[in-house]
Structures are given as C-alpha cells and as structure tokens.
Amino acid sequence: MCYCHHGVRSLHASLILGAAGFKDAVSLRGGIDAWSQLVDPAVPRY
C-alpha cells in the first residue's frame, strides 16, 4: 500500500509499481489526511 499526505503522490507511486509488476499495489485515496478525518481521528493531521 502506498500513502502520502493527500493521496496524489501515492497514486502515482502505485501506478509506477503496478507497471513494474507489483499487481497488488494500491493507493490510499485521500491520503493520511482523509484517513484521519474519516476513519481514525487519533491520527494527527499536519
């Protein structure tokens, strides 16, 4: 799994990894910021 602050860079990283043969590469949509808001507010926002 790839993740970054807002999800844009991790999306590109997962596409690159997928093209390199890592078929299970995924990106966390919305990044860590969305995770903190929607799933786990204990994760600090920055």
PDB file of N, CA and C in Angstrom:
ATOM      1  N   MET A   1       0.839  -1.169   0.000  1.00  0.00           N
ATOM      2  CA  MET A   1       0.000   0.000   0.000  1.00  0.00           C
ATOM      3  C   MET A   1       0.882   1.229   0.000  1.00  0.00           C
ATOM      4  N   CYS A   2       0.478   2.219  -0.770  1.00  0.00           N
ATOM      5  CA  CYS A   2       1.186   3.495  -0.822  1.00  0.00           C
ATOM      6  C   CYS A   2       0.300   4.562  -0.202  1.00  0.00           C
ATOM      7  N   TYR A   3       0.898   5.440   0.561  1.00  0.00           N
ATOM      8  CA  TYR A   3       0.132   6.552   1.100  1.00  0.00           C
ATOM      9  C   TYR A   3       1.019   7.772   1.251  1.00  0.00           C
ATOM     10  N   CYS A   4       0.387   8.937   1.197  1.00  0.00           N
ATOM     11  CA  CYS A   4       1.063  10.211   1.380  1.00  0.00           C
ATOM     12  C   CYS A   4       0.062  11.147   2.048  1.00  0.00           C
ATOM     13  N   HIS A   5       0.371  12.412   2.121  1.00  0.00           N
ATOM     14  CA  HIS A   5      -0.479  13.366   2.821  1.00  0.00           C
ATOM     15  C   HIS A   5      -1.885  13.456   2.231  1.00  0.00           C
ATOM     16  N   HIS A   6      -2.009  13.721   0.936  1.00  0.00           N
ATOM     17  CA  HIS A   6      -3.325  13.888   0.317  1.00  0.00           C
ATOM     18  C   HIS A   6      -3.672  12.823  -0.722  1.00  0.00           C
ATOM     19  N   GLY A   7      -2.775  11.912  -1.020  1.00  0.00           N
ATOM     20  CA  GLY A   7      -3.086  10.796  -1.900  1.00  0.00           C
ATOM     21  C   GLY A   7      -2.648  10.929  -3.347  1.00  0.00           C
ATOM     22  N   VAL A   8      -2.196  12.106  -3.760  1.00  0.00           N
ATOM     23  CA  VAL A   8      -1.819  12.302  -5.167  1.00  0.00           C
ATOM     24  C   VAL A   8      -0.503  11.597  -5.484  1.00  0.00           C
ATOM     25  N   ARG A   9       0.503  11.811  -4.668  1.00  0.00           N
ATOM     26  CA  ARG A   9       1.808  11.175  -4.914  1.00  0.00           C
ATOM     27  C   ARG A   9       1.730   9.656  -4.757  1.00  0.00           C
ATOM     28  N   SER A  10       0.947   9.196  -3.792  1.00  0.00           N
ATOM     29  CA  SER A  10       0.839   7.755  -3.605  1.00  0.00           C
ATOM     30  C   SER A  10       0.108   7.101  -4.774  1.00  0.00           C
ATOM     31  N   LEU A  11      -0.833   7.810  -5.381  1.00  0.00           N
ATOM     32  CA  LEU A  11      -1.500   7.280  -6.571  1.00  0.00           C
ATOM     33  C   LEU A  11      -0.485   7.084  -7.685  1.00  0.00           C
ATOM     34  N   HIS A  12       0.357   8.077  -7.917  1.00  0.00           N
ATOM     35  CA  HIS A  12       1.384   7.950  -8.957  1.00  0.00           C
ATOM     36  C   HIS A  12       2.356   6.812  -8.626  1.00  0.00           C
ATOM     37  N   ALA A  13       2.724   6.702  -7.351  1.00  0.00           N
ATOM     38  CA  ALA A  13       3.643   5.636  -6.943  1.00  0.00           C
ATOM     39  C   ALA A  13       3.023   4.261  -7.183  1.00  0.00           C
ATOM     40  N   SER A  14       1.747   4.114  -6.870  1.00  0.00           N
ATOM     41  CA  SER A  14       1.108   2.808  -7.067  1.00  0.00           C
ATOM     42  C   SER A  14       0.982   2.477  -8.548  1.00  0.00           C
ATOM     43  N   LEU A  15       0.785   3.481  -9.391  1.00  0.00           N
ATOM     44  CA  LEU A  15       0.746   3.240 -10.837  1.00  0.00           C
ATOM     45  C   LEU A  15       2.112   2.790 -11.355  1.00  0.00           C
ATOM     46  N   ILE A  16       3.167   3.418 -10.871  1.00  0.00           N
ATOM     47  CA  ILE A  16       4.528   3.038 -11.262  1.00  0.00           C
ATOM     48  C   ILE A  16       4.828   1.617 -10.792  1.00  0.00           C
ATOM     49  N   LEU A  17       4.467   1.315  -9.552  1.00  0.00           N
ATOM     50  CA  LEU A  17       4.698  -0.034  -9.032  1.00  0.00           C
ATOM     51  C   LEU A  17       3.898  -1.069  -9.813  1.00  0.00           C
ATOM     52  N   GLY A  18       2.658  -0.743 -10.150  1.00  0.00           N
ATOM     53  CA  GLY A  18       1.843  -1.652 -10.949  1.00  0.00           C
ATOM     54  C   GLY A  18       2.466  -1.919 -12.301  1.00  0.00           C
ATOM     55  N   ALA A  19       2.993  -0.876 -12.936  1.00  0.00           N
ATOM     56  CA  ALA A  19       3.650  -1.027 -14.232  1.00  0.00           C
ATOM     57  C   ALA A  19       4.930  -1.854 -14.123  1.00  0.00           C
ATOM     58  N   ALA A  20       5.528  -1.855 -12.925  1.00  0.00           N
ATOM     59  CA  ALA A  20       6.761  -2.616 -12.704  1.00  0.00           C
ATOM     60  C   ALA A  20       6.482  -4.065 -12.307  1.00  0.00           C
ATOM     61  N   GLY A  21       5.193  -4.440 -12.261  1.00  0.00           N
ATOM     62  CA  GLY A  21       4.873  -5.825 -11.985  1.00  0.00           C
ATOM     63  C   GLY A  21       4.246  -6.098 -10.629  1.00  0.00           C
ATOM     64  N   PHE A  22       4.136  -5.083  -9.796  1.00  0.00           N
ATOM     65  CA  PHE A  22       3.506  -5.268  -8.489  1.00  0.00           C
ATOM     66  C   PHE A  22       2.002  -5.113  -8.662  1.00  0.00           C
ATOM     67  N   LYS A  23       1.327  -6.210  -8.953  1.00  0.00           N
ATOM     68  CA  LYS A  23      -0.092  -6.177  -9.325  1.00  0.00           C
ATOM     69  C   LYS A  23      -1.016  -5.804  -8.169  1.00  0.00           C
ATOM     70  N   ASP A  24      -0.564  -5.944  -6.946  1.00  0.00           N
ATOM     71  CA  ASP A  24      -1.412  -5.627  -5.801  1.00  0.00           C
ATOM     72  C   ASP A  24      -1.152  -4.236  -5.227  1.00  0.00           C
ATOM     73  N   ALA A  25      -0.407  -3.395  -5.947  1.00  0.00           N
ATOM     74  CA  ALA A  25      -0.095  -2.052  -5.449  1.00  0.00           C
ATOM     75  C   ALA A  25      -1.361  -1.197  -5.456  1.00  0.00           C
ATOM     76  N   VAL A  26      -1.638  -0.566  -4.326  1.00  0.00           N
ATOM     77  CA  VAL A  26      -2.809   0.298  -4.202  1.00  0.00           C
ATOM     78  C   VAL A  26      -2.413   1.595  -3.507  1.00  0.00           C
ATOM     79  N   SER A  27      -3.258   2.584  -3.646  1.00  0.00           N
ATOM     80  CA  SER A  27      -3.050   3.881  -3.023  1.00  0.00           C
ATOM     81  C   SER A  27      -4.192   4.169  -2.059  1.00  0.00           C
ATOM     82  N   LEU A  28      -3.890   4.832  -0.976  1.00  0.00           N
ATOM     83  CA  LEU A  28      -4.900   5.253  -0.015  1.00  0.00           C
ATOM     84  C   LEU A  28      -5.541   6.538  -0.521  1.00  0.00           C
ATOM     85  N   ARG A  29      -6.777   6.431  -1.023  1.00  0.00           N
ATOM     86  CA  ARG A  29      -7.466   7.600  -1.590  1.00  0.00           C
ATOM     87  C   ARG A  29      -7.644   8.673  -0.514  1.00  0.00           C
ATOM     88  N   GLY A  30      -7.227   9.874  -0.837  1.00  0.00           N
ATOM     89  CA  GLY A  30      -7.343  10.978   0.111  1.00  0.00           C
ATOM     90  C   GLY A  30      -6.179  11.098   1.068  1.00  0.00           C
ATOM     91  N   GLY A  31      -5.320  10.098   1.067  1.00  0.00           N
ATOM     92  CA  GLY A  31      -4.119  10.134   1.882  1.00  0.00           C
ATOM     93  C   GLY A  31      -4.367  10.037   3.380  1.00  0.00           C
ATOM     94  N   ILE A  32      -3.312  10.324   4.116  1.00  0.00           N
ATOM     95  CA  ILE A  32      -3.354  10.256   5.565  1.00  0.00           C
ATOM     96  C   ILE A  32      -4.334  11.284   6.120  1.00  0.00           C
ATOM     97  N   ASP A  33      -4.456  12.418   5.451  1.00  0.00           N
ATOM     98  CA  ASP A  33      -5.368  13.460   5.914  1.00  0.00           C
ATOM     99  C   ASP A  33      -6.812  12.957   5.927  1.00  0.00           C
ATOM    100  N   ALA A  34      -7.244  12.316   4.849  1.00  0.00           N
ATOM    101  CA  ALA A  34      -8.598  11.771   4.794  1.00  0.00           C
ATOM    102  C   ALA A  34      -8.779  10.651   5.815  1.00  0.00           C
ATOM    103  N   TRP A  35      -7.762   9.817   5.979  1.00  0.00           N
ATOM    104  CA  TRP A  35      -7.843   8.725   6.958  1.00  0.00           C
ATOM    105  C   TRP A  35      -8.093   9.304   8.348  1.00  0.00           C
ATOM    106  N   SER A  36      -7.364  10.362   8.673  1.00  0.00           N
ATOM    107  CA  SER A  36      -7.515  10.989   9.976  1.00  0.00           C
ATOM    108  C   SER A  36      -8.916  11.566  10.161  1.00  0.00           C
ATOM    109  N   GLN A  37      -9.471  12.151   9.115  1.00  0.00           N
ATOM    110  CA  GLN A  37     -10.799  12.766   9.214  1.00  0.00           C
ATOM    111  C   GLN A  37     -11.924  11.734   9.222  1.00  0.00           C
ATOM    112  N   LEU A  38     -11.797  10.683   8.415  1.00  0.00           N
ATOM    113  CA  LEU A  38     -12.908   9.764   8.191  1.00  0.00           C
ATOM    114  C   LEU A  38     -12.841   8.455   8.976  1.00  0.00           C
ATOM    115  N   VAL A  39     -11.641   8.012   9.322  1.00  0.00           N
ATOM    116  CA  VAL A  39     -11.503   6.682   9.912  1.00  0.00           C
ATOM    117  C   VAL A  39     -10.974   6.742  11.344  1.00  0.00           C
ATOM    118  N   ASP A  40      -9.862   7.439  11.539  1.00  0.00           N
ATOM    119  CA  ASP A  40      -9.200   7.408  12.846  1.00  0.00           C
ATOM    120  C   ASP A  40      -8.752   8.802  13.255  1.00  0.00           C
ATOM    121  N   PRO A  41      -9.581   9.531  13.975  1.00  0.00           N
ATOM    122  CA  PRO A  41      -9.206  10.888  14.377  1.00  0.00           C
ATOM    123  C   PRO A  41      -8.004  10.944  15.321  1.00  0.00           C
ATOM    124  N   ALA A  42      -7.551   9.793  15.823  1.00  0.00           N
ATOM    125  CA  ALA A  42      -6.348   9.780  16.663  1.00  0.00           C
ATOM    126  C   ALA A  42      -5.082  10.002  15.843  1.00  0.00           C
ATOM    127  N   VAL A  43      -5.182   9.801  14.518  1.00  0.00           N
ATOM    128  CA  VAL A  43      -4.025  10.053  13.644  1.00  0.00           C
ATOM    129  C   VAL A  43      -3.910  11.571  13.486  1.00  0.00           C
ATOM    130  N   PRO A  44      -2.764  12.122  13.866  1.00  0.00           N
ATOM    131  CA  PRO A  44      -2.615  13.582  13.806  1.00  0.00           C
ATOM    132  C   PRO A  44      -2.656  14.110  12.372  1.00  0.00           C
ATOM    133  N   ARG A  45      -3.293  15.259  12.200  1.00  0.00           N
ATOM    134  CA  ARG A  45      -3.302  15.935  10.906  1.00  0.00           C
ATOM    135  C   ARG A  45      -2.170  16.935  10.894  1.00  0.00           C
ATOM    136  N   TYR A  46      -1.567  17.109   9.737  1.00  0.00           N
ATOM    137  CA  TYR A  46      -0.463  18.070   9.629  1.00  0.00           C
ATOM    138  C   TYR A  46      -0.582  18.852   8.356  1.00  0.00           C
TER     139      TYR A  46
END
